[in-house]
PDB file of N, CA and C in Angstrom:
ATOM      1  N   MET A   1       1.081  -1.166   0.176  1.00  0.00           N
ATOM      2  CA  MET A   1       0.289  -0.272   0.084  1.00  0.00           C
ATOM      3  C   MET A   1       1.239   1.375  -0.152  1.00  0.00           C
ATOM      4  N   TYR A   2       0.583   2.113  -0.963  1.00  0.00           N
ATOM      5  CA  TYR A   2       1.332   3.501  -1.154  1.00  0.00           C
ATOM      6  C   TYR A   2       0.344   4.608  -0.788  1.00  0.00           C
ATOM      7  N   ALA A   3       1.165   5.747  -0.524  1.00  0.00           N
ATOM      8  CA  ALA A   3      -0.332   7.350  -0.142  1.00  0.00           C
ATOM      9  C   ALA A   3       0.450   8.317  -0.708  1.00  0.00           C
ATOM     10  N   ILE A   4      -0.160   9.200  -0.917  1.00  0.00           N
ATOM     11  CA  ILE A   4       0.402  10.628  -1.594  1.00  0.00           C
ATOM     12  C   ILE A   4       0.097  11.531  -1.092  1.00  0.00           C
ATOM     13  N   ILE A   5       1.385  12.005  -0.529  1.00  0.00           N
ATOM     14  CA  ILE A   5       0.832  13.212   0.737  1.00  0.00           C
ATOM     15  C   ILE A   5       1.287  14.519   0.404  1.00  0.00           C
ATOM     16  N   GLU A   6       0.948  15.642   0.789  1.00  0.00           N
ATOM     17  CA  GLU A   6       1.261  16.757   0.665  1.00  0.00           C
ATOM     18  C   GLU A   6       1.944  17.562   2.157  1.00  0.00           C
ATOM     19  N   THR A   7       3.329  17.744   1.688  1.00  0.00           N
ATOM     20  CA  THR A   7       3.908  18.500   3.071  1.00  0.00           C
ATOM     21  C   THR A   7       5.239  19.517   2.412  1.00  0.00           C
ATOM     22  N   GLY A   8       4.948  20.491   3.253  1.00  0.00           N
ATOM     23  CA  GLY A   8       6.014  21.661   2.925  1.00  0.00           C
ATOM     24  C   GLY A   8       5.456  21.976   0.902  1.00  0.00           C
ATOM     25  N   GLY A   9       4.249  22.113   0.657  1.00  0.00           N
ATOM     26  CA  GLY A   9       3.956  22.407   0.025  1.00  0.00           C
ATOM     27  C   GLY A   9       4.439  21.620  -1.483  1.00  0.00           C
ATOM     28  N   LYS A  10       5.130  20.379  -0.935  1.00  0.00           N
ATOM     29  CA  LYS A  10       5.746  19.599  -2.135  1.00  0.00           C
ATOM     30  C   LYS A  10       4.283  18.148  -1.933  1.00  0.00           C
ATOM     31  N   GLN A  11       4.286  17.290  -3.079  1.00  0.00           N
ATOM     32  CA  GLN A  11       4.156  15.883  -2.715  1.00  0.00           C
ATOM     33  C   GLN A  11       4.712  14.358  -2.634  1.00  0.00           C
ATOM     34  N   GLN A  12       4.440  14.142  -1.914  1.00  0.00           N
ATOM     35  CA  GLN A  12       5.732  12.484  -2.185  1.00  0.00           C
ATOM     36  C   GLN A  12       4.584  11.444  -1.929  1.00  0.00           C
ATOM     37  N   ARG A  13       5.066  10.191  -2.719  1.00  0.00           N
ATOM     38  CA  ARG A  13       5.071   9.361  -2.781  1.00  0.00           C
ATOM     39  C   ARG A  13       5.604   8.239  -1.643  1.00  0.00           C
ATOM     40  N   VAL A  14       4.737   7.394  -0.713  1.00  0.00           N
ATOM     41  CA  VAL A  14       5.511   7.085   0.296  1.00  0.00           C
ATOM     42  C   VAL A  14       4.542   5.538   0.871  1.00  0.00           C
ATOM     43  N   SER A  15       5.236   5.052   1.303  1.00  0.00           N
ATOM     44  CA  SER A  15       4.897   3.048   1.579  1.00  0.00           C
ATOM     45  C   SER A  15       5.942   3.077   3.043  1.00  0.00           C
ATOM     46  N   GLU A  16       5.120   2.168   3.606  1.00  0.00           N
ATOM     47  CA  GLU A  16       5.659   1.533   4.740  1.00  0.00           C
ATOM     48  C   GLU A  16       7.214   1.232   4.555  1.00  0.00           C
ATOM     49  N   GLY A  17       7.863   1.772   5.607  1.00  0.00           N
ATOM     50  CA  GLY A  17       9.508   1.442   5.703  1.00  0.00           C
ATOM     51  C   GLY A  17      10.552   2.471   4.567  1.00  0.00           C
ATOM     52  N   ASP A  18       9.416   3.419   3.814  1.00  0.00           N
ATOM     53  CA  ASP A  18      10.551   4.205   3.242  1.00  0.00           C
ATOM     54  C   ASP A  18      11.151   5.450   3.946  1.00  0.00           C
ATOM     55  N   VAL A  19      12.054   5.643   3.896  1.00  0.00           N
ATOM     56  CA  VAL A  19      13.083   7.086   4.610  1.00  0.00           C
ATOM     57  C   VAL A  19      12.698   8.231   3.359  1.00  0.00           C
ATOM     58  N   ILE A  20      12.537   8.926   3.993  1.00  0.00           N
ATOM     59  CA  ILE A  20      12.367  10.439   3.340  1.00  0.00           C
ATOM     60  C   ILE A  20      12.605  11.777   3.680  1.00  0.00           C
ATOM     61  N   ALA A  21      12.800  12.664   2.902  1.00  0.00           N
ATOM     62  CA  ALA A  21      13.677  13.811   3.471  1.00  0.00           C
ATOM     63  C   ALA A  21      12.283  15.137   2.925  1.00  0.00           C
ATOM     64  N   VAL A  22      11.849  15.590   4.280  1.00  0.00           N
ATOM     65  CA  VAL A  22      11.015  16.908   3.651  1.00  0.00           C
ATOM     66  C   VAL A  22      11.357  17.751   4.113  1.00  0.00           C
ATOM     67  N   GLU A  23      10.712  18.908   3.785  1.00  0.00           N
ATOM     68  CA  GLU A  23      10.820  20.275   4.685  1.00  0.00           C
ATOM     69  C   GLU A  23      10.781  20.323   5.905  1.00  0.00           C
ATOM     70  N   ARG A  24      11.511  21.301   6.606  1.00  0.00           N
ATOM     71  CA  ARG A  24      11.591  20.999   8.276  1.00  0.00           C
ATOM     72  C   ARG A  24      10.068  20.649   8.595  1.00  0.00           C
ATOM     73  N   VAL A  25      10.288  19.512   9.612  1.00  0.00           N
ATOM     74  CA  VAL A  25       8.882  19.513  10.519  1.00  0.00           C
ATOM     75  C   VAL A  25       9.259  19.726  12.040  1.00  0.00           C
ATOM     76  N   PRO A  26       8.257  20.744  12.671  1.00  0.00           N
ATOM     77  CA  PRO A  26       9.372  20.641  14.050  1.00  0.00           C
ATOM     78  C   PRO A  26       9.109  19.049  15.157  1.00  0.00           C
ATOM     79  N   GLY A  27      10.332  19.149  15.899  1.00  0.00           N
ATOM     80  CA  GLY A  27      10.237  17.294  16.435  1.00  0.00           C
ATOM     81  C   GLY A  27      11.783  17.462  16.997  1.00  0.00           C
ATOM     82  N   ASN A  28      12.150  16.337  18.119  1.00  0.00           N
ATOM     83  CA  ASN A  28      12.603  15.949  18.183  1.00  0.00           C
ATOM     84  C   ASN A  28      13.177  14.784  17.576  1.00  0.00           C
ATOM     85  N   PRO A  29      14.459  13.829  17.206  1.00  0.00           N
ATOM     86  CA  PRO A  29      14.260  12.453  16.645  1.00  0.00           C
ATOM     87  C   PRO A  29      13.655  11.156  17.998  1.00  0.00           C
ATOM     88  N   GLY A  30      13.079  10.326  17.155  1.00  0.00           N
ATOM     89  CA  GLY A  30      12.150   9.695  17.631  1.00  0.00           C
ATOM     90  C   GLY A  30      10.985   9.926  18.174  1.00  0.00           C
ATOM     91  N   THR A  31      10.459  11.077  17.550  1.00  0.00           N
ATOM     92  CA  THR A  31       8.996  11.498  17.755  1.00  0.00           C
ATOM     93  C   THR A  31       7.927  11.278  16.672  1.00  0.00           C
ATOM     94  N   ALA A  32       6.622  10.582  16.764  1.00  0.00           N
ATOM     95  CA  ALA A  32       5.955  10.241  15.821  1.00  0.00           C
ATOM     96  C   ALA A  32       5.272  11.438  15.256  1.00  0.00           C
ATOM     97  N   VAL A  33       4.966  11.741  14.019  1.00  0.00           N
ATOM     98  CA  VAL A  33       4.626  12.367  13.132  1.00  0.00           C
ATOM     99  C   VAL A  33       3.122  12.126  12.465  1.00  0.00           C
ATOM    100  N   GLU A  34       2.309  12.575  12.319  1.00  0.00           N
ATOM    101  CA  GLU A  34       1.235  12.326  11.437  1.00  0.00           C
ATOM    102  C   GLU A  34       1.034  13.180  10.382  1.00  0.00           C
ATOM    103  N   PHE A  35       0.361  12.486   9.056  1.00  0.00           N
ATOM    104  CA  PHE A  35       0.288  13.537   8.129  1.00  0.00           C
ATOM    105  C   PHE A  35      -0.752  13.349   7.683  1.00  0.00           C
ATOM    106  N   ASP A  36      -2.052  14.208   7.539  1.00  0.00           N
ATOM    107  CA  ASP A  36      -3.502  13.512   7.361  1.00  0.00           C
ATOM    108  C   ASP A  36      -3.803  14.232   6.160  1.00  0.00           C
ATOM    109  N   LYS A  37      -2.635  15.048   5.225  1.00  0.00           N
ATOM    110  CA  LYS A  37      -2.973  15.436   3.901  1.00  0.00           C
ATOM    111  C   LYS A  37      -2.938  14.448   2.880  1.00  0.00           C
ATOM    112  N   VAL A  38      -3.594  13.797   2.856  1.00  0.00           N
ATOM    113  CA  VAL A  38      -3.335  12.556   1.909  1.00  0.00           C
ATOM    114  C   VAL A  38      -4.274  12.807   0.625  1.00  0.00           C
ATOM    115  N   LEU A  39      -3.583  12.611  -0.835  1.00  0.00           N
ATOM    116  CA  LEU A  39      -4.089  13.257  -1.802  1.00  0.00           C
ATOM    117  C   LEU A  39      -4.427  11.611  -2.543  1.00  0.00           C
ATOM    118  N   ALA A  40      -4.146  10.451  -2.252  1.00  0.00           N
ATOM    119  CA  ALA A  40      -4.340   9.437  -3.050  1.00  0.00           C
ATOM    120  C   ALA A  40      -3.704   8.514  -2.051  1.00  0.00           C
ATOM    121  N   VAL A  41      -4.561   6.895  -2.268  1.00  0.00           N
ATOM    122  CA  VAL A  41      -3.914   5.773  -1.463  1.00  0.00           C
ATOM    123  C   VAL A  41      -4.449   4.759  -2.664  1.00  0.00           C
ATOM    124  N   GLY A  42      -3.012   3.820  -2.841  1.00  0.00           N
ATOM    125  CA  GLY A  42      -3.129   2.756  -3.941  1.00  0.00           C
ATOM    126  C   GLY A  42      -2.870   1.820  -3.180  1.00  0.00           C
ATOM    127  N   ASP A  43      -3.857   0.567  -3.276  1.00  0.00           N
ATOM    128  CA  ASP A  43      -2.465  -0.718  -3.108  1.00  0.00           C
ATOM    129  C   ASP A  43      -3.150  -1.542  -4.247  1.00  0.00           C
ATOM    130  N   GLY A  44      -2.840  -2.739  -4.096  1.00  0.00           N
ATOM    131  CA  GLY A  44      -2.832  -3.421  -5.513  1.00  0.00           C
ATOM    132  C   GLY A  44      -4.126  -3.422  -6.289  1.00  0.00           C
ATOM    133  N   ASP A  45      -5.470  -3.371  -5.605  1.00  0.00           N
ATOM    134  CA  ASP A  45      -6.327  -3.335  -6.414  1.00  0.00           C
ATOM    135  C   ASP A  45      -6.753  -2.201  -6.938  1.00  0.00           C
ATOM    136  N   GLY A  46      -6.602  -1.365  -6.458  1.00  0.00           N
ATOM    137  CA  GLY A  46      -6.830   0.447  -6.969  1.00  0.00           C
ATOM    138  C   GLY A  46      -6.282   1.531  -6.421  1.00  0.00           C
ATOM    139  N   LEU A  47      -6.969   2.743  -6.719  1.00  0.00           N
ATOM    140  CA  LEU A  47      -6.530   3.840  -6.359  1.00  0.00           C
ATOM    141  C   LEU A  47      -7.559   4.591  -5.974  1.00  0.00           C
ATOM    142  N   THR A  48      -7.519   5.309  -4.930  1.00  0.00           N
ATOM    143  CA  THR A  48      -8.732   6.018  -3.948  1.00  0.00           C
ATOM    144  C   THR A  48      -7.666   7.347  -4.506  1.00  0.00           C
ATOM    145  N   VAL A  49      -8.500   8.587  -4.605  1.00  0.00           N
ATOM    146  CA  VAL A  49      -8.177   9.696  -4.792  1.00  0.00           C
ATOM    147  C   VAL A  49      -8.900  10.852  -4.281  1.00  0.00           C
ATOM    148  N   GLY A  50      -8.432  11.413  -3.586  1.00  0.00           N
ATOM    149  CA  GLY A  50      -9.397  11.803  -2.876  1.00  0.00           C
ATOM    150  C   GLY A  50      -9.305  13.796  -3.281  1.00  0.00           C
ATOM    151  N   ARG A  51     -10.703  14.776  -2.895  1.00  0.00           N
ATOM    152  CA  ARG A  51     -10.958  15.817  -3.096  1.00  0.00           C
ATOM    153  C   ARG A  51     -10.991  16.890  -2.324  1.00  0.00           C
ATOM    154  N   PRO A  52     -10.063  17.202  -2.008  1.00  0.00           N
ATOM    155  CA  PRO A  52      -8.507  17.373  -2.251  1.00  0.00           C
ATOM    156  C   PRO A  52      -7.902  15.996  -1.650  1.00  0.00           C
ATOM    157  N   TYR A  53      -8.429  15.593  -0.483  1.00  0.00           N
ATOM    158  CA  TYR A  53      -7.933  14.421   0.338  1.00  0.00           C
ATOM    159  C   TYR A  53      -8.870  13.751   0.852  1.00  0.00           C
ATOM    160  N   VAL A  54      -8.210  12.856   1.192  1.00  0.00           N
ATOM    161  CA  VAL A  54      -8.929  11.386   1.351  1.00  0.00           C
ATOM    162  C   VAL A  54      -9.249  11.355   2.523  1.00  0.00           C
ATOM    163  N   GLU A  55     -10.714  10.946   2.990  1.00  0.00           N
ATOM    164  CA  GLU A  55     -11.049  10.775   4.864  1.00  0.00           C
ATOM    165  C   GLU A  55     -10.491  10.287   5.007  1.00  0.00           C
ATOM    166  N   LYS A  56     -10.289  10.112   6.491  1.00  0.00           N
ATOM    167  CA  LYS A  56      -9.860   9.417   7.326  1.00  0.00           C
ATOM    168  C   LYS A  56      -8.465   8.504   6.964  1.00  0.00           C
ATOM    169  N   ALA A  57      -7.831   8.904   5.615  1.00  0.00           N
ATOM    170  CA  ALA A  57      -6.560   8.221   5.476  1.00  0.00           C
ATOM    171  C   ALA A  57      -5.450   9.004   6.591  1.00  0.00           C
ATOM    172  N   LYS A  58      -4.337   8.428   6.879  1.00  0.00           N
ATOM    173  CA  LYS A  58      -3.116   8.881   7.597  1.00  0.00           C
ATOM    174  C   LYS A  58      -2.139   8.600   7.507  1.00  0.00           C
ATOM    175  N   VAL A  59      -0.788   8.810   7.248  1.00  0.00           N
ATOM    176  CA  VAL A  59       0.304   8.329   7.053  1.00  0.00           C
ATOM    177  C   VAL A  59       1.060   9.121   8.239  1.00  0.00           C
ATOM    178  N   ILE A  60       1.624   8.254   9.284  1.00  0.00           N
ATOM    179  CA  ILE A  60       2.534   8.309  10.689  1.00  0.00           C
ATOM    180  C   ILE A  60       3.412   7.434  10.162  1.00  0.00           C
ATOM    181  N   ALA A  61       4.883   8.740  11.015  1.00  0.00           N
ATOM    182  CA  ALA A  61       5.861   8.553  10.485  1.00  0.00           C
ATOM    183  C   ALA A  61       6.812   9.022  11.690  1.00  0.00           C
ATOM    184  N   SER A  62       7.841   8.283  11.640  1.00  0.00           N
ATOM    185  CA  SER A  62       8.906   8.952  12.944  1.00  0.00           C
ATOM    186  C   SER A  62      10.124   9.767  12.382  1.00  0.00           C
ATOM    187  N   ILE A  63      10.525  10.782  13.233  1.00  0.00           N
ATOM    188  CA  ILE A  63      11.889  11.412  12.917  1.00  0.00           C
ATOM    189  C   ILE A  63      12.596  10.755  13.369  1.00  0.00           C
ATOM    190  N   ILE A  64      13.649  11.047  11.704  1.00  0.00           N
ATOM    191  CA  ILE A  64      15.354  10.042  12.021  1.00  0.00           C
ATOM    192  C   ILE A  64      16.302  11.015  12.773  1.00  0.00           C
ATOM    193  N   SER A  65      16.023  12.224  11.661  1.00  0.00           N
ATOM    194  CA  SER A  65      16.853  13.195  12.039  1.00  0.00           C
ATOM    195  C   SER A  65      16.763  14.476  11.436  1.00  0.00           C
ATOM    196  N   GLN A  66      17.010  16.015  12.173  1.00  0.00           N
ATOM    197  CA  GLN A  66      17.049  17.168  11.282  1.00  0.00           C
ATOM    198  C   GLN A  66      18.119  17.917  10.904  1.00  0.00           C
ATOM    199  N   GLU A  67      18.523  17.998   9.752  1.00  0.00           N
ATOM    200  CA  GLU A  67      19.514  18.040   9.315  1.00  0.00           C
ATOM    201  C   GLU A  67      19.421  19.384   8.049  1.00  0.00           C
ATOM    202  N   ARG A  68      20.801  19.901   7.465  1.00  0.00           N
ATOM    203  CA  ARG A  68      20.240  20.521   6.318  1.00  0.00           C
ATOM    204  C   ARG A  68      20.775  19.941   5.553  1.00  0.00           C
ATOM    205  N   ASP A  69      20.157  20.571   3.798  1.00  0.00           N
ATOM    206  CA  ASP A  69      20.613  19.899   2.610  1.00  0.00           C
ATOM    207  C   ASP A  69      21.808  20.338   1.671  1.00  0.00           C
ATOM    208  N   ARG A  70      22.564  20.176   0.721  1.00  0.00           N
ATOM    209  CA  ARG A  70      23.388  20.568   0.282  1.00  0.00           C
ATOM    210  C   ARG A  70      23.552  22.222  -0.180  1.00  0.00           C
ATOM    211  N   LYS A  71      24.444  22.900  -0.487  1.00  0.00           N
ATOM    212  CA  LYS A  71      24.776  24.521  -0.434  1.00  0.00           C
ATOM    213  C   LYS A  71      24.181  24.462  -1.603  1.00  0.00           C
ATOM    214  N   VAL A  72      23.191  25.997  -2.048  1.00  0.00           N
ATOM    215  CA  VAL A  72      23.121  26.377  -3.650  1.00  0.00           C
ATOM    216  C   VAL A  72      23.530  27.451  -3.531  1.00  0.00           C
ATOM    217  N   THR A  73      23.977  28.000  -4.099  1.00  0.00           N
ATOM    218  CA  THR A  73      25.055  29.243  -5.081  1.00  0.00           C
ATOM    219  C   THR A  73      24.106  30.051  -5.456  1.00  0.00           C
ATOM    220  N   ILE A  74      24.031  31.831  -4.870  1.00  0.00           N
ATOM    221  CA  ILE A  74      23.382  31.974  -5.754  1.00  0.00           C
ATOM    222  C   ILE A  74      24.403  33.191  -6.180  1.00  0.00           C
ATOM    223  N   PHE A  75      24.335  33.885  -7.554  1.00  0.00           N
ATOM    224  CA  PHE A  75      25.667  34.025  -8.286  1.00  0.00           C
ATOM    225  C   PHE A  75      24.733  35.564  -8.604  1.00  0.00           C
ATOM    226  N   LYS A  76      24.616  36.986  -8.048  1.00  0.00           N
ATOM    227  CA  LYS A  76      24.317  38.062  -9.715  1.00  0.00           C
ATOM    228  C   LYS A  76      25.215  38.551 -10.236  1.00  0.00           C
ATOM    229  N   LYS A  77      25.541  39.016 -11.674  1.00  0.00           N
ATOM    230  CA  LYS A  77      26.778  39.893 -11.776  1.00  0.00           C
ATOM    231  C   LYS A  77      25.708  40.872 -12.913  1.00  0.00           C
ATOM    232  N   LYS A  78      26.401  41.967 -13.254  1.00  0.00           N
ATOM    233  CA  LYS A  78      25.933  43.082 -14.253  1.00  0.00           C
ATOM    234  C   LYS A  78      27.107  42.845 -15.157  1.00  0.00           C
ATOM    235  N   ARG A  79      27.068  42.701 -15.981  1.00  0.00           N
ATOM    236  CA  ARG A  79      28.061  42.757 -17.262  1.00  0.00           C
ATOM    237  C   ARG A  79      28.508  43.980 -17.436  1.00  0.00           C
ATOM    238  N   ARG A  80      30.045  44.521 -17.565  1.00  0.00           N
ATOM    239  CA  ARG A  80      30.797  45.070 -17.623  1.00  0.00           C
ATOM    240  C   ARG A  80      30.612  46.413 -16.579  1.00  0.00           C
ATOM    241  N   LYS A  81      30.139  46.472 -15.178  1.00  0.00           N
ATOM    242  CA  LYS A  81      30.080  47.186 -14.090  1.00  0.00           C
ATOM    243  C   LYS A  81      30.785  46.311 -12.961  1.00  0.00           C
ATOM    244  N   ASN A  82      31.426  45.500 -13.390  1.00  0.00           N
ATOM    245  CA  ASN A  82      32.411  44.863 -12.489  1.00  0.00           C
ATOM    246  C   ASN A  82      31.208  45.014 -10.658  1.00  0.00           C
ATOM    247  N   TYR A  83      30.279  44.550 -10.967  1.00  0.00           N
ATOM    248  CA  TYR A  83      28.902  44.081 -10.237  1.00  0.00           C
ATOM    249  C   TYR A  83      28.656  42.720 -10.067  1.00  0.00           C
ATOM    250  N   ARG A  84      29.217  42.052  -8.696  1.00  0.00           N
ATOM    251  CA  ARG A  84      29.037  41.004  -8.354  1.00  0.00           C
ATOM    252  C   ARG A  84      28.775  40.503  -7.331  1.00  0.00           C
ATOM    253  N   ARG A  85      27.553  39.680  -6.701  1.00  0.00           N
ATOM    254  CA  ARG A  85      27.217  39.143  -5.612  1.00  0.00           C
ATOM    255  C   ARG A  85      27.378  37.757  -5.662  1.00  0.00           C
ATOM    256  N   THR A  86      27.584  37.163  -4.891  1.00  0.00           N
ATOM    257  CA  THR A  86      27.709  35.815  -4.339  1.00  0.00           C
ATOM    258  C   THR A  86      27.263  35.470  -3.183  1.00  0.00           C
ATOM    259  N   LYS A  87      26.251  34.298  -2.747  1.00  0.00           N
ATOM    260  CA  LYS A  87      25.240  34.287  -1.792  1.00  0.00           C
ATOM    261  C   LYS A  87      24.760  32.690  -1.844  1.00  0.00           C
ATOM    262  N   GLY A  88      25.065  31.998  -0.644  1.00  0.00           N
ATOM    263  CA  GLY A  88      24.523  30.964  -0.329  1.00  0.00           C
ATOM    264  C   GLY A  88      23.064  30.513   0.574  1.00  0.00           C
ATOM    265  N   HIS A  89      22.817  29.536   0.427  1.00  0.00           N
ATOM    266  CA  HIS A  89      21.633  28.247   1.064  1.00  0.00           C
ATOM    267  C   HIS A  89      21.700  27.595   1.522  1.00  0.00           C
ATOM    268  N   ARG A  90      20.953  26.862   3.234  1.00  0.00           N
ATOM    269  CA  ARG A  90      21.234  25.023   2.937  1.00  0.00           C
ATOM    270  C   ARG A  90      19.614  25.375   3.547  1.00  0.00           C
ATOM    271  N   GLN A  91      18.483  24.498   2.988  1.00  0.00           N
ATOM    272  CA  GLN A  91      17.429  24.453   3.252  1.00  0.00           C
ATOM    273  C   GLN A  91      17.937  23.620   4.083  1.00  0.00           C
ATOM    274  N   TYR A  92      16.536  23.957   5.371  1.00  0.00           N
ATOM    275  CA  TYR A  92      16.631  22.819   6.627  1.00  0.00           C
ATOM    276  C   TYR A  92      15.464  22.000   6.251  1.00  0.00           C
ATOM    277  N   LEU A  93      16.199  20.088   6.502  1.00  0.00           N
ATOM    278  CA  LEU A  93      15.533  18.928   6.070  1.00  0.00           C
ATOM    279  C   LEU A  93      15.238  18.270   7.483  1.00  0.00           C
ATOM    280  N   THR A  94      13.848  17.217   7.270  1.00  0.00           N
ATOM    281  CA  THR A  94      13.521  16.845   8.481  1.00  0.00           C
ATOM    282  C   THR A  94      13.808  15.048   7.173  1.00  0.00           C
ATOM    283  N   ARG A  95      14.509  14.130   7.652  1.00  0.00           N
ATOM    284  CA  ARG A  95      14.711  12.822   7.399  1.00  0.00           C
ATOM    285  C   ARG A  95      13.538  11.766   8.479  1.00  0.00           C
ATOM    286  N   LEU A  96      12.483  11.219   7.181  1.00  0.00           N
ATOM    287  CA  LEU A  96      11.798  10.584   8.775  1.00  0.00           C
ATOM    288  C   LEU A  96      11.338   9.329   7.655  1.00  0.00           C
ATOM    289  N   LYS A  97      11.244   8.648   8.591  1.00  0.00           N
ATOM    290  CA  LYS A  97      10.670   6.706   8.024  1.00  0.00           C
ATOM    291  C   LYS A  97       9.440   6.758   8.627  1.00  0.00           C
ATOM    292  N   VAL A  98       8.690   6.400   7.272  1.00  0.00           N
ATOM    293  CA  VAL A  98       6.991   5.983   7.257  1.00  0.00           C
ATOM    294  C   VAL A  98       6.907   4.530   8.009  1.00  0.00           C
ATOM    295  N   THR A  99       6.297   4.772   9.155  1.00  0.00           N
ATOM    296  CA  THR A  99       5.756   3.580  10.031  1.00  0.00           C
ATOM    297  C   THR A  99       4.490   2.770   9.502  1.00  0.00           C
ATOM    298  N   GLU A 100       3.822   3.525   8.939  1.00  0.00           N
ATOM    299  CA  GLU A 100       2.531   2.928   8.930  1.00  0.00           C
ATOM    300  C   GLU A 100       1.739   4.302   7.928  1.00  0.00           C
ATOM    301  N   VAL A 101       0.822   2.850   6.905  1.00  0.00           N
ATOM    302  CA  VAL A 101      -0.209   3.746   6.038  1.00  0.00           C
ATOM    303  C   VAL A 101      -1.567   3.261   6.528  1.00  0.00           C
ATOM    304  N   ARG A 102      -2.545   4.387   6.626  1.00  0.00           N
ATOM    305  CA  ARG A 102      -3.809   3.897   7.489  1.00  0.00           C
ATOM    306  C   ARG A 102      -4.459   4.864   6.265  1.00  0.00           C
ATOM    307  N   ALA A 103      -5.210   4.039   5.548  1.00  0.00           N
ATOM    308  CA  ALA A 103      -6.512   3.792   4.526  1.00  0.00           C
ATOM    309  C   ALA A 103      -8.028   3.910   5.098  1.00  0.00           C
TER     310      ALA A 103
END
């Protein structure tokens, strides 16, 4: 069984036992997190699509770690004017292990 959840403005396909990285979710490692914004649930027989969410469907995951993504470099330049700016950004991520998909 798998589910498509919405978290951090993005959609993620998950099933039991998956380890995923999502936008920061507050909590300490070992804490359980529930996602109730389930867009679709699928099993071997078919697919249940929500409008916009599937009622009574949940995905339960536990936090493995809080970390930061790789650095993204932003570079601005104006030609012939000796104008150059470099900036970096590292996004905060939460690594989760999906423990249960309820439909």
